[in-house]
N, C-alpha and C. Protein backbone atom coordinates (compact mmCIF):
# COMPACT_ATOMS: atom_id res chain seq x y z
N MET A 1 2.99 -14.12 -96.70
CA MET A 1 2.07 -12.72 -96.01
C MET A 1 0.93 -12.16 -96.87
N LEU A 2 1.45 -11.87 -97.95
CA LEU A 2 0.14 -11.32 -98.42
C LEU A 2 -1.52 -11.81 -98.10
N ASP A 3 -1.21 -13.17 -98.46
CA ASP A 3 -2.42 -13.76 -98.47
C ASP A 3 -3.09 -14.02 -96.80
N TRP A 4 -2.15 -14.12 -96.00
CA TRP A 4 -2.66 -13.54 -94.75
C TRP A 4 -2.95 -12.46 -94.36
N HIS A 5 -3.04 -11.44 -94.85
CA HIS A 5 -3.46 -9.81 -94.53
C HIS A 5 -4.81 -10.15 -95.12
N LEU A 6 -4.76 -10.84 -96.47
CA LEU A 6 -6.32 -10.45 -97.43
C LEU A 6 -7.25 -11.30 -96.52
N THR A 7 -6.67 -12.46 -96.16
CA THR A 7 -7.26 -13.20 -95.46
C THR A 7 -7.97 -12.28 -93.99
N LYS A 8 -7.04 -11.96 -93.41
CA LYS A 8 -7.71 -11.20 -92.16
C LYS A 8 -8.70 -10.04 -92.88
N LEU A 9 -8.31 -9.49 -93.95
CA LEU A 9 -9.40 -8.03 -94.23
C LEU A 9 -10.54 -8.90 -94.16
N MET A 10 -10.75 -9.80 -95.04
CA MET A 10 -11.88 -10.48 -96.22
C MET A 10 -13.00 -10.47 -94.56
N LYS A 11 -11.97 -11.93 -93.65
CA LYS A 11 -12.88 -11.73 -92.43
C LYS A 11 -13.33 -10.46 -92.01
N LEU A 12 -12.25 -9.44 -91.43
CA LEU A 12 -12.91 -8.37 -90.94
C LEU A 12 -14.47 -8.19 -91.38
N LEU A 13 -13.83 -7.58 -92.80
CA LEU A 13 -14.97 -7.32 -93.98
C LEU A 13 -16.29 -8.11 -93.74
N GLU A 14 -15.71 -9.37 -93.60
CA GLU A 14 -17.55 -10.35 -93.38
C GLU A 14 -18.05 -9.68 -92.16
N ARG A 15 -17.54 -9.73 -91.00
CA ARG A 15 -17.48 -9.52 -89.42
C ARG A 15 -18.18 -8.14 -89.73
N GLU A 16 -17.94 -6.67 -90.57
CA GLU A 16 -18.60 -5.53 -90.58
C GLU A 16 -20.04 -5.74 -91.00
N ARG A 17 -20.27 -6.95 -91.82
CA ARG A 17 -21.31 -7.22 -92.97
C ARG A 17 -22.63 -7.68 -91.80
N ALA A 18 -22.07 -8.69 -91.37
CA ALA A 18 -22.75 -8.78 -90.19
C ALA A 18 -23.19 -8.44 -88.93
N HIS A 19 -22.40 -7.15 -88.54
CA HIS A 19 -22.67 -5.85 -87.79
C HIS A 19 -23.70 -5.11 -88.59
N LEU A 20 -23.36 -4.74 -89.71
CA LEU A 20 -24.22 -4.12 -90.72
C LEU A 20 -25.95 -4.76 -90.46
N LEU A 21 -25.46 -5.64 -91.34
CA LEU A 21 -26.94 -6.06 -91.07
C LEU A 21 -27.59 -6.57 -89.55
N ARG A 22 -27.50 -6.73 -88.91
CA ARG A 22 -27.88 -6.48 -88.22
C ARG A 22 -28.03 -5.02 -87.00
N GLY A 23 -27.96 -4.38 -87.44
CA GLY A 23 -27.94 -2.79 -87.32
C GLY A 23 -27.28 -2.33 -86.11
N ASP A 24 -25.74 -3.55 -85.99
CA ASP A 24 -25.02 -3.37 -84.64
C ASP A 24 -24.24 -1.89 -85.20
N LEU A 25 -24.47 -0.70 -85.58
CA LEU A 25 -23.31 0.36 -86.19
C LEU A 25 -22.20 -0.03 -84.96
N ALA A 26 -22.23 0.62 -83.84
CA ALA A 26 -21.15 0.65 -83.06
C ALA A 26 -20.49 -0.31 -82.89
N ALA A 27 -20.62 -1.44 -83.04
CA ALA A 27 -19.91 -2.98 -83.16
C ALA A 27 -19.07 -2.50 -84.63
N ALA A 28 -19.49 -2.44 -85.92
CA ALA A 28 -19.30 -2.05 -87.15
C ALA A 28 -18.25 -0.77 -87.33
N ALA A 29 -18.52 -0.28 -86.72
CA ALA A 29 -17.35 1.05 -86.36
C ALA A 29 -16.36 0.74 -85.14
N GLU A 30 -16.29 -0.15 -84.49
CA GLU A 30 -15.27 -0.56 -83.90
C GLU A 30 -14.29 -1.29 -84.97
N LEU A 31 -14.92 -1.98 -85.61
CA LEU A 31 -13.52 -2.70 -86.29
C LEU A 31 -12.59 -1.73 -87.59
N SER A 32 -13.39 -0.16 -87.88
CA SER A 32 -12.39 0.63 -88.92
C SER A 32 -11.25 0.85 -88.18
N ASP A 33 -10.16 0.44 -87.18
CA ASP A 33 -8.77 0.68 -86.96
C ASP A 33 -8.02 -0.90 -87.65
N GLY A 34 -9.09 -1.39 -87.10
CA GLY A 34 -9.07 -3.04 -87.23
C GLY A 34 -8.11 -2.75 -89.12
N LYS A 35 -9.09 -2.82 -89.65
CA LYS A 35 -9.28 -2.66 -90.98
C LYS A 35 -8.47 -1.87 -91.89
N GLU A 36 -8.09 -0.36 -91.17
CA GLU A 36 -7.19 0.28 -91.53
C GLU A 36 -6.03 -0.01 -91.67
N ARG A 37 -5.58 -0.50 -90.05
CA ARG A 37 -4.56 -1.24 -89.82
C ARG A 37 -3.79 -2.61 -91.23
N LEU A 38 -4.84 -3.49 -91.38
CA LEU A 38 -4.94 -4.01 -92.41
C LEU A 38 -4.35 -3.83 -94.02
N LEU A 39 -5.20 -2.60 -94.63
CA LEU A 39 -4.82 -1.92 -95.59
C LEU A 39 -3.06 -1.52 -95.68
N GLU A 40 -3.27 -1.22 -94.73
CA GLU A 40 -1.78 -0.43 -94.78
C GLU A 40 -0.55 -1.42 -94.60
N LYS A 41 -0.66 -2.59 -94.32
CA LYS A 41 0.35 -3.52 -94.51
C LYS A 41 -0.16 -4.22 -96.02
N LEU A 42 -0.79 -4.77 -96.39
CA LEU A 42 -1.38 -5.57 -97.50
C LEU A 42 -1.16 -4.65 -98.84
N ASP A 43 -0.30 -4.81 -99.61
CA ASP A 43 0.24 -4.17 -100.92
C ASP A 43 -0.64 -5.20 -102.15
N ILE A 44 -1.89 -3.73 -101.88
CA ILE A 44 -2.83 -4.37 -102.94
C ILE A 44 -2.23 -4.34 -104.44
N SER A 45 -1.12 -4.00 -104.62
CA SER A 45 -0.28 -3.93 -106.32
C SER A 45 0.11 -5.29 -106.08
N GLY A 46 -0.19 -5.83 -105.46
CA GLY A 46 0.87 -7.58 -105.45
C GLY A 46 -0.48 -8.75 -105.80
N LEU A 47 -1.70 -7.95 -105.62
CA LEU A 47 -3.05 -9.37 -105.70
C LEU A 47 -3.42 -9.45 -107.16
N ASP A 48 -3.73 -10.80 -107.15
CA ASP A 48 -4.34 -11.20 -108.69
C ASP A 48 -5.71 -10.15 -109.07
N ALA A 49 -6.44 -10.50 -109.97
CA ALA A 49 -7.45 -10.04 -110.25
C ALA A 49 -7.87 -10.27 -109.88
N PRO A 50 -8.30 -11.66 -109.46
CA PRO A 50 -9.75 -12.27 -108.89
C PRO A 50 -9.61 -11.49 -107.43
N ARG A 51 -8.61 -12.15 -106.44
CA ARG A 51 -8.07 -11.54 -105.32
C ARG A 51 -8.73 -10.01 -105.25
N LEU A 52 -8.30 -9.31 -106.29
CA LEU A 52 -8.70 -7.74 -106.34
C LEU A 52 -10.03 -7.85 -106.10
N ARG A 53 -10.46 -7.92 -106.92
CA ARG A 53 -12.06 -8.21 -107.24
C ARG A 53 -12.92 -8.49 -106.16
N ARG A 54 -12.49 -9.78 -105.78
CA ARG A 54 -13.51 -10.01 -104.64
C ARG A 54 -13.03 -9.52 -103.16
N LEU A 55 -11.97 -8.57 -102.82
CA LEU A 55 -11.51 -7.86 -102.16
C LEU A 55 -12.99 -6.14 -102.43
N THR A 56 -13.29 -6.12 -103.62
CA THR A 56 -13.24 -4.21 -104.17
C THR A 56 -15.02 -5.01 -103.88
N THR A 57 -15.25 -6.05 -103.96
CA THR A 57 -16.65 -6.39 -103.84
C THR A 57 -17.30 -6.53 -102.73
N SER A 58 -16.34 -7.14 -101.90
CA SER A 58 -16.43 -6.96 -100.36
C SER A 58 -16.90 -5.40 -99.81
N ALA A 59 -15.79 -5.08 -100.07
CA ALA A 59 -15.58 -3.41 -99.76
C ALA A 59 -17.16 -2.88 -99.87
N SER A 60 -17.50 -2.64 -100.99
CA SER A 60 -18.47 -1.79 -101.53
C SER A 60 -19.70 -2.12 -101.52
N ARG A 61 -19.71 -3.50 -101.75
CA ARG A 61 -21.02 -3.92 -100.58
C ARG A 61 -20.72 -3.01 -99.49
N ASN A 62 -20.52 -3.53 -98.40
CA ASN A 62 -20.36 -2.87 -96.95
C ASN A 62 -20.03 -1.29 -97.15
N GLU A 63 -19.85 -0.70 -97.96
CA GLU A 63 -19.78 0.59 -98.41
C GLU A 63 -21.47 0.93 -98.36
N ARG A 64 -22.07 0.42 -98.76
CA ARG A 64 -23.45 0.50 -99.47
C ARG A 64 -24.23 0.52 -98.29
N LEU A 65 -23.91 -0.78 -97.58
CA LEU A 65 -24.74 -0.96 -96.27
C LEU A 65 -24.03 0.52 -95.48
N ILE A 66 -23.00 0.37 -95.35
CA ILE A 66 -22.85 1.91 -94.32
C ILE A 66 -23.69 3.17 -94.96
N ALA A 67 -23.53 3.51 -96.24
CA ALA A 67 -24.91 4.63 -96.95
C ALA A 67 -25.75 4.26 -96.01
N ALA A 68 -27.05 3.04 -96.29
CA ALA A 68 -27.89 2.68 -95.91
C ALA A 68 -28.69 3.30 -95.08
N ALA A 69 -27.03 2.21 -93.57
CA ALA A 69 -27.48 2.67 -92.54
C ALA A 69 -27.50 4.26 -92.01
N ARG A 70 -26.68 4.94 -92.78
CA ARG A 70 -26.69 6.09 -92.47
C ARG A 70 -27.99 7.30 -92.89
N GLU A 71 -27.97 7.16 -93.78
CA GLU A 71 -29.80 7.54 -94.74
C GLU A 71 -30.63 6.90 -93.40
N GLY A 72 -30.88 5.68 -92.78
CA GLY A 72 -31.52 5.06 -91.51
C GLY A 72 -32.34 5.88 -90.80
N VAL A 73 -30.44 6.35 -90.11
CA VAL A 73 -30.29 7.37 -88.84
C VAL A 73 -30.89 8.32 -88.80
N SER A 74 -30.49 9.45 -90.08
CA SER A 74 -31.01 10.22 -90.44
C SER A 74 -32.77 10.69 -91.07
N ALA A 75 -33.15 9.71 -91.68
CA ALA A 75 -34.31 9.68 -91.88
C ALA A 75 -35.11 9.31 -90.28
N ALA A 76 -34.73 8.80 -89.27
CA ALA A 76 -35.40 8.43 -87.80
C ALA A 76 -35.23 10.14 -87.39
N ARG A 77 -33.59 10.14 -87.03
CA ARG A 77 -33.72 12.00 -86.56
C ARG A 77 -34.61 12.24 -86.75
N GLN A 78 -35.28 12.97 -88.34
CA GLN A 78 -35.93 13.69 -89.01
C GLN A 78 -37.20 12.83 -88.56
N ARG A 79 -37.51 12.56 -88.15
CA ARG A 79 -39.13 11.48 -88.32
C ARG A 79 -39.21 12.47 -86.55
N LEU A 80 -38.38 11.79 -85.48
CA LEU A 80 -38.58 12.69 -84.37
C LEU A 80 -38.33 13.87 -84.09
N GLN A 81 -38.17 14.15 -84.77
CA GLN A 81 -37.99 15.76 -84.96
C GLN A 81 -39.43 16.70 -84.98
N GLN A 82 -39.79 15.81 -86.70
CA GLN A 82 -41.31 16.25 -86.88
C GLN A 82 -42.03 15.79 -85.66
N ILE A 83 -41.96 14.36 -84.88
CA ILE A 83 -42.83 13.92 -83.85
C ILE A 83 -42.68 15.24 -82.83
N ARG A 84 -41.43 15.69 -82.61
CA ARG A 84 -41.06 16.85 -81.30
C ARG A 84 -41.98 17.95 -81.46
N GLN A 85 -42.26 18.40 -82.76
CA GLN A 85 -42.47 19.69 -83.10
C GLN A 85 -44.16 19.81 -83.64
N GLY A 86 -44.28 18.55 -83.80
CA GLY A 86 -45.92 18.38 -84.14
C GLY A 86 -46.72 19.40 -83.89
N PRO A 87 -47.59 19.33 -84.46
CA PRO A 87 -48.62 20.32 -84.26
C PRO A 87 -49.58 20.00 -83.03
N GLY A 88 -49.61 18.67 -82.26
CA GLY A 88 -50.01 18.44 -81.32
C GLY A 88 -51.30 17.91 -81.61
N VAL A 89 -52.11 17.23 -80.91
CA VAL A 89 -54.08 17.03 -80.40
C VAL A 89 -55.06 18.42 -80.09
N ARG A 90 -55.19 18.24 -80.62
CA ARG A 90 -56.40 19.62 -80.55
C ARG A 90 -57.67 18.73 -79.84
N THR A 91 -58.27 19.02 -77.91
CA THR A 91 -59.23 18.95 -77.72
C THR A 91 -60.16 19.50 -76.52
N TYR A 92 -61.23 18.90 -76.42
CA TYR A 92 -62.03 20.16 -74.96
C TYR A 92 -61.86 19.65 -73.82
N MET A 93 -61.61 20.68 -73.35
CA MET A 93 -61.52 19.84 -72.02
C MET A 93 -62.63 20.32 -71.06
N ALA A 94 -62.80 19.20 -70.17
CA ALA A 94 -64.31 19.47 -69.47
C ALA A 94 -64.65 20.43 -68.85
N ASN A 95 -63.98 21.11 -69.06
CA ASN A 95 -65.04 22.94 -68.92
C ASN A 95 -65.52 23.42 -70.44
N GLY A 96 -65.37 22.80 -71.32
CA GLY A 96 -65.63 23.17 -72.09
C GLY A 96 -64.72 24.10 -73.52
N THR A 97 -63.20 24.53 -72.91
CA THR A 97 -62.33 25.12 -73.57
C THR A 97 -61.30 23.99 -74.29
N ARG A 98 -61.35 24.87 -75.38
CA ARG A 98 -60.29 23.82 -75.99
C ARG A 98 -59.21 23.89 -76.08
N GLU A 99 -58.16 23.09 -76.42
CA GLU A 99 -57.29 23.40 -75.65
C GLU A 99 -56.10 22.17 -76.70
N THR A 100 -54.55 22.82 -77.20
CA THR A 100 -53.84 21.76 -77.63
C THR A 100 -52.83 21.39 -76.86
N ILE A 101 -52.92 19.51 -77.24
CA ILE A 101 -52.03 18.77 -76.15
C ILE A 101 -50.83 18.55 -77.03
N ARG A 102 -49.57 19.24 -76.58
CA ARG A 102 -48.20 18.56 -77.14
C ARG A 102 -47.71 17.51 -76.93
N PRO A 103 -47.00 17.07 -77.95
CA PRO A 103 -45.92 16.21 -76.85
C PRO A 103 -44.35 16.78 -76.06
N PRO A 104 -44.08 16.13 -74.94
CA PRO A 104 -43.38 16.36 -74.30
C PRO A 104 -41.88 17.05 -74.84
N GLN A 105 -41.40 17.89 -74.03
CA GLN A 105 -39.95 18.63 -74.71
C GLN A 105 -39.15 18.17 -74.04
N THR A 106 -38.51 16.91 -75.06
CA THR A 106 -37.50 16.15 -74.49
C THR A 106 -35.64 16.17 -75.62
N SER A 107 -35.09 15.54 -74.56
CA SER A 107 -33.79 15.87 -75.59
C SER A 107 -33.24 14.49 -75.97
N LEU A 108 -32.90 14.54 -77.12
CA LEU A 108 -32.44 13.06 -77.66
C LEU A 108 -31.02 12.88 -76.85
N HIS A 109 -30.80 11.82 -76.08
CA HIS A 109 -29.48 11.45 -75.58
C HIS A 109 -28.66 10.87 -76.37
N LYS A 110 -27.36 10.72 -76.36
CA LYS A 110 -26.57 10.34 -77.48
C LYS A 110 -25.88 9.01 -76.82
N ARG A 111 -25.32 7.49 -77.09
CA ARG A 111 -24.52 6.92 -76.26
C ARG A 111 -23.68 7.00 -76.13
N ALA A 112 -22.72 6.68 -75.61
CA ALA A 112 -21.38 6.54 -75.91
C ALA A 112 -20.82 5.43 -76.77
């Protein structure tokens, strides 16, 4: 049973990695419940050193990918905020008056 749970968990970690590399964060997040259930059933103390190392390597790799994705999303949000609050473009109108054109005030909609 130990091998079955470990194999399932490793496959789940590989699927998570594939989703993260494609940028499909929603699909990667959907796997978290399955990971938790498998970890609860897996007796890590029964793993030999090579299997434990393989598991921790995969989990650490995904953890780094998740952190990088989180940083990317944060950077994108900050950049969008800068664009929205930017100084705008100063130009002259047809009648000769100077005017600043600002980006439209929109809100960011979150998807479920």
